[in-house]
Amino acid sequence: ILIQDERVNEVEGLICYFQDYNVYYEVSQEYDDLAEFLYNHRKELENLKALFVGDEEIDEFRKSSIGIGDINFLLSSFPNLEVLHLRGCCIDLHCSALGHNNLKTLVIETADISNIAIKIICSLHFPALKYFELWIGRRSENSSNSMIKCLEPILFGESFPNLNYLGIRSSGYADTIAEAIAESSLITEYPILYNLLILVSFSF
């Protein structure tokens, strides 16, 4: 109905809730269908600037069984996108795109995310990104050393060079992350501290 509306090209913000609670910790078919749908209708939605995709319910710890997979379609379909907000299980989250030139805000709300997914996200090139919030959760594979390794492209100012706000939530390694951010100023030419105005790092 939305795509068929004659004013669809005026849409700048879109909220896409999922309710497929029969899927547990796998990429939801709802997600795959939506990603494909958005890609197929990217011309009609060419002016989209803000997109929310994910679980309709908000859990205190961001626990969700609805899986989010490849976000390549979400990034590559909309060159004018400025805000991307994801909420769900991100164990299998991945992206084949190199990045996005206009994205300013990225929020990933999850209690389940793999090191590979974190590394992929932190390695993407978002030169315009100002606000990044990542809920990590308490997965056992995320040791403090491996977590810092995944975050290195951010700490060294390589992936998000203009970042003003960094929120690392529910990580279990808040102190370690804060120390790594401070130390990055000593070992790289363009550390995250050059532009960072707000750091939020804590665990429940």
Protein backbone atom coordinates (compact mmCIF):
# COMPACT_ATOMS: atom_id res chain seq x y z
CA ILE A 1 0.00 0.00 0.00
CA LEU A 2 2.82 2.39 0.89
CA ILE A 3 4.77 1.75 -2.31
CA GLN A 4 1.66 2.28 -4.42
CA ASP A 5 0.92 5.66 -2.84
CA GLU A 6 1.60 8.54 -5.23
CA ARG A 7 3.51 10.42 -2.49
CA VAL A 8 5.77 7.54 -1.48
CA ASN A 9 8.84 9.41 -2.73
CA GLU A 10 8.26 11.97 0.05
CA VAL A 11 8.81 9.41 2.81
CA GLU A 12 11.91 10.29 4.87
CA GLY A 13 11.44 7.98 7.90
CA LEU A 14 10.28 4.38 8.15
CA ILE A 15 9.71 2.10 11.18
CA CYS A 16 9.58 -1.62 10.42
CA TYR A 17 8.59 -3.79 13.40
CA PHE A 18 8.91 -7.58 13.44
CA GLN A 19 6.65 -9.95 15.35
CA ASP A 20 8.06 -13.33 14.27
CA TYR A 21 8.59 -14.68 17.78
CA ASN A 22 8.58 -18.31 16.59
CA VAL A 23 12.13 -17.89 15.29
CA TYR A 24 14.85 -18.33 17.89
CA TYR A 25 18.32 -16.85 17.38
CA GLU A 26 18.32 -17.36 13.63
CA VAL A 27 17.87 -14.75 10.91
CA SER A 28 14.14 -14.12 10.70
CA GLN A 29 12.41 -14.71 7.38
CA GLU A 30 10.59 -11.46 8.08
CA TYR A 31 13.95 -9.69 8.06
CA ASP A 32 15.12 -11.27 4.79
CA ASP A 33 11.79 -10.46 3.12
CA LEU A 34 11.91 -6.86 4.30
CA ALA A 35 15.52 -6.32 3.22
CA GLU A 36 14.72 -7.67 -0.25
CA PHE A 37 11.53 -5.59 -0.44
CA LEU A 38 13.36 -2.38 0.44
CA TYR A 39 16.06 -3.12 -2.11
CA ASN A 40 13.50 -3.81 -4.85
CA HIS A 41 11.71 -0.53 -4.11
CA ARG A 42 14.73 1.66 -3.41
CA LYS A 43 13.80 4.03 -6.24
CA GLU A 44 10.38 4.74 -4.76
CA LEU A 45 12.01 5.34 -1.35
CA GLU A 46 14.96 7.32 -2.67
CA ASN A 47 14.49 10.11 -0.11
CA LEU A 48 14.57 7.83 2.94
CA LYS A 49 16.74 9.34 5.68
CA ALA A 50 15.83 7.34 8.81
CA LEU A 51 15.12 3.62 9.14
CA PHE A 52 14.27 1.44 12.14
CA VAL A 53 14.27 -2.33 11.66
CA GLY A 54 13.71 -4.90 14.38
CA ASP A 55 11.83 -6.27 17.33
CA GLU A 56 8.70 -4.38 18.33
CA GLU A 57 9.20 -5.26 22.00
CA ILE A 58 11.83 -3.47 24.09
CA ASP A 59 13.52 -5.74 26.62
CA GLU A 60 15.48 -4.09 29.44
CA PHE A 61 18.62 -5.97 28.40
CA ARG A 62 17.80 -5.82 24.66
CA LYS A 63 17.29 -9.59 24.58
CA SER A 64 15.49 -10.67 21.41
CA SER A 65 15.02 -13.92 19.52
CA ILE A 66 14.32 -12.16 16.20
CA GLY A 67 17.43 -12.47 14.05
CA ILE A 68 18.92 -9.69 11.91
CA GLY A 69 21.17 -10.79 9.07
CA ASP A 70 22.79 -9.03 6.10
CA ILE A 71 22.42 -5.24 6.33
CA ASN A 72 23.97 -4.65 2.93
CA PHE A 73 20.61 -3.92 1.29
CA LEU A 74 19.73 -1.42 4.01
CA LEU A 75 22.93 0.57 3.43
CA SER A 76 23.40 0.26 -0.31
CA SER A 77 19.76 0.92 -1.24
CA PHE A 78 19.51 4.36 0.35
CA PRO A 79 22.40 6.77 -0.30
CA ASN A 80 20.57 9.55 1.61
CA LEU A 81 20.14 7.47 4.77
CA GLU A 82 21.27 9.34 7.90
CA VAL A 83 19.86 7.18 10.71
CA LEU A 84 19.86 3.36 10.98
CA HIS A 85 18.48 1.72 14.12
CA LEU A 86 18.49 -2.07 14.52
CA ARG A 87 16.96 -4.10 17.36
CA GLY A 88 17.15 -7.89 17.52
CA CYS A 89 19.46 -10.88 17.76
CA CYS A 90 22.64 -9.97 15.85
CA ILE A 91 24.69 -13.17 16.07
CA ASP A 92 24.52 -13.52 12.27
CA LEU A 93 24.60 -9.83 11.41
CA HIS A 94 26.94 -9.16 8.50
CA CYS A 95 27.50 -6.72 5.66
CA SER A 96 29.26 -6.92 2.33
CA ALA A 97 29.14 -3.17 1.73
CA LEU A 98 32.23 -1.07 2.44
CA GLY A 99 30.27 1.57 4.30
CA HIS A 100 28.02 4.59 3.72
CA ASN A 101 28.94 8.21 3.06
CA ASN A 102 25.96 9.95 4.67
CA LEU A 103 25.05 7.84 7.71
CA LYS A 104 25.17 10.01 10.84
CA THR A 105 23.57 7.77 13.49
CA LEU A 106 23.88 4.02 13.99
CA VAL A 107 22.21 2.20 16.89
CA ILE A 108 22.39 -1.58 17.39
CA GLU A 109 20.29 -2.84 20.30
CA THR A 110 21.06 -6.48 21.09
CA ALA A 111 22.06 -8.83 23.87
CA ASP A 112 23.39 -11.38 21.40
CA ILE A 113 26.11 -10.45 18.95
CA SER A 114 29.17 -12.34 17.77
CA ASN A 115 32.74 -11.03 17.68
CA ILE A 116 32.64 -11.38 13.91
CA ALA A 117 29.56 -9.18 13.69
CA ILE A 118 31.13 -6.54 15.96
CA LYS A 119 34.33 -6.57 13.92
CA ILE A 120 32.41 -6.18 10.65
CA ILE A 121 30.39 -3.23 11.94
CA CYS A 122 33.43 -1.50 13.42
CA SER A 123 35.39 -1.97 10.20
CA LEU A 124 32.81 -0.32 7.95
CA HIS A 125 33.65 3.16 6.69
CA PHE A 126 31.18 5.76 7.96
CA PRO A 127 32.92 9.14 7.47
CA ALA A 128 29.83 11.17 8.44
CA LEU A 129 28.91 9.12 11.52
CA LYS A 130 28.49 11.23 14.66
CA TYR A 131 26.51 8.91 16.96
CA PHE A 132 27.20 5.21 17.49
CA GLU A 133 25.51 3.06 20.13
CA LEU A 134 26.19 -0.67 20.45
CA TRP A 135 24.61 -3.06 22.94
CA ILE A 136 27.03 -5.96 23.26
CA GLY A 137 25.52 -8.30 25.85
CA ARG A 138 27.43 -10.89 27.83
CA ARG A 139 28.31 -13.60 25.34
CA SER A 140 31.13 -15.76 26.70
CA GLU A 141 33.25 -15.45 23.55
CA ASN A 142 33.59 -11.71 24.12
CA SER A 143 36.69 -11.57 26.34
CA SER A 144 38.10 -8.14 27.12
CA ASN A 145 41.05 -8.61 24.74
CA SER A 146 38.92 -9.81 21.84
CA MET A 147 36.44 -7.01 22.41
CA ILE A 148 39.12 -4.32 22.26
CA LYS A 149 40.51 -5.95 19.12
CA CYS A 150 37.09 -5.70 17.45
CA LEU A 151 36.75 -2.04 18.47
CA GLU A 152 40.22 -0.99 17.29
CA PRO A 153 39.11 0.57 13.96
CA ILE A 154 36.89 2.91 15.99
CA LEU A 155 39.45 3.65 18.69
CA PHE A 156 42.07 4.58 16.10
CA GLY A 157 39.68 6.85 14.18
CA GLU A 158 39.87 4.72 11.04
CA SER A 159 36.23 3.74 10.50
CA PHE A 160 34.26 6.55 12.16
CA PRO A 161 36.69 9.51 12.04
CA ASN A 162 34.11 12.15 13.04
CA LEU A 163 32.42 10.31 15.90
CA ASN A 164 31.11 12.60 18.70
CA TYR A 165 29.09 10.07 20.73
CA LEU A 166 30.10 6.51 21.53
CA GLY A 167 27.85 4.28 23.63
CA ILE A 168 29.05 0.76 24.44
CA ARG A 169 26.30 -0.72 26.60
CA SER A 170 25.89 -3.95 28.53
CA SER A 171 29.43 -5.01 27.69
CA GLY A 172 30.81 -6.18 31.03
CA TYR A 173 34.12 -4.49 30.15
CA ALA A 174 33.28 -0.83 30.66
CA ASP A 175 36.55 0.00 32.47
CA THR A 176 38.68 -1.86 29.92
CA ILE A 177 37.03 -0.08 27.01
CA ALA A 178 37.50 3.33 28.67
CA GLU A 179 41.18 2.56 29.29
CA ALA A 180 41.67 1.47 25.68
CA ILE A 181 40.13 4.71 24.44
CA ALA A 182 42.50 6.73 26.63
CA GLU A 183 45.52 4.66 25.51
CA SER A 184 44.60 5.02 21.82
CA SER A 185 45.64 8.67 21.99
CA LEU A 186 49.21 7.56 22.62
CA ILE A 187 49.58 5.05 19.80
CA THR A 188 47.74 6.47 16.80
CA GLU A 189 47.87 9.74 14.89
CA TYR A 190 44.10 10.29 14.83
CA PRO A 191 42.60 8.75 17.97
CA ILE A 192 38.89 8.72 18.71
CA LEU A 193 39.44 11.29 21.49
CA TYR A 194 40.10 14.04 18.96
CA ASN A 195 36.38 14.39 18.20
CA LEU A 196 34.63 12.41 20.95
CA LEU A 197 32.39 14.52 23.17
CA ILE A 198 30.39 11.84 25.01
CA LEU A 199 31.41 8.32 26.06
CA VAL A 200 28.83 5.98 27.60
CA SER A 201 30.23 2.61 28.61
CA PHE A 202 28.57 0.46 31.26
CA SER A 203 27.10 -2.95 32.05
CA PHE A 204 23.96 -3.92 33.91
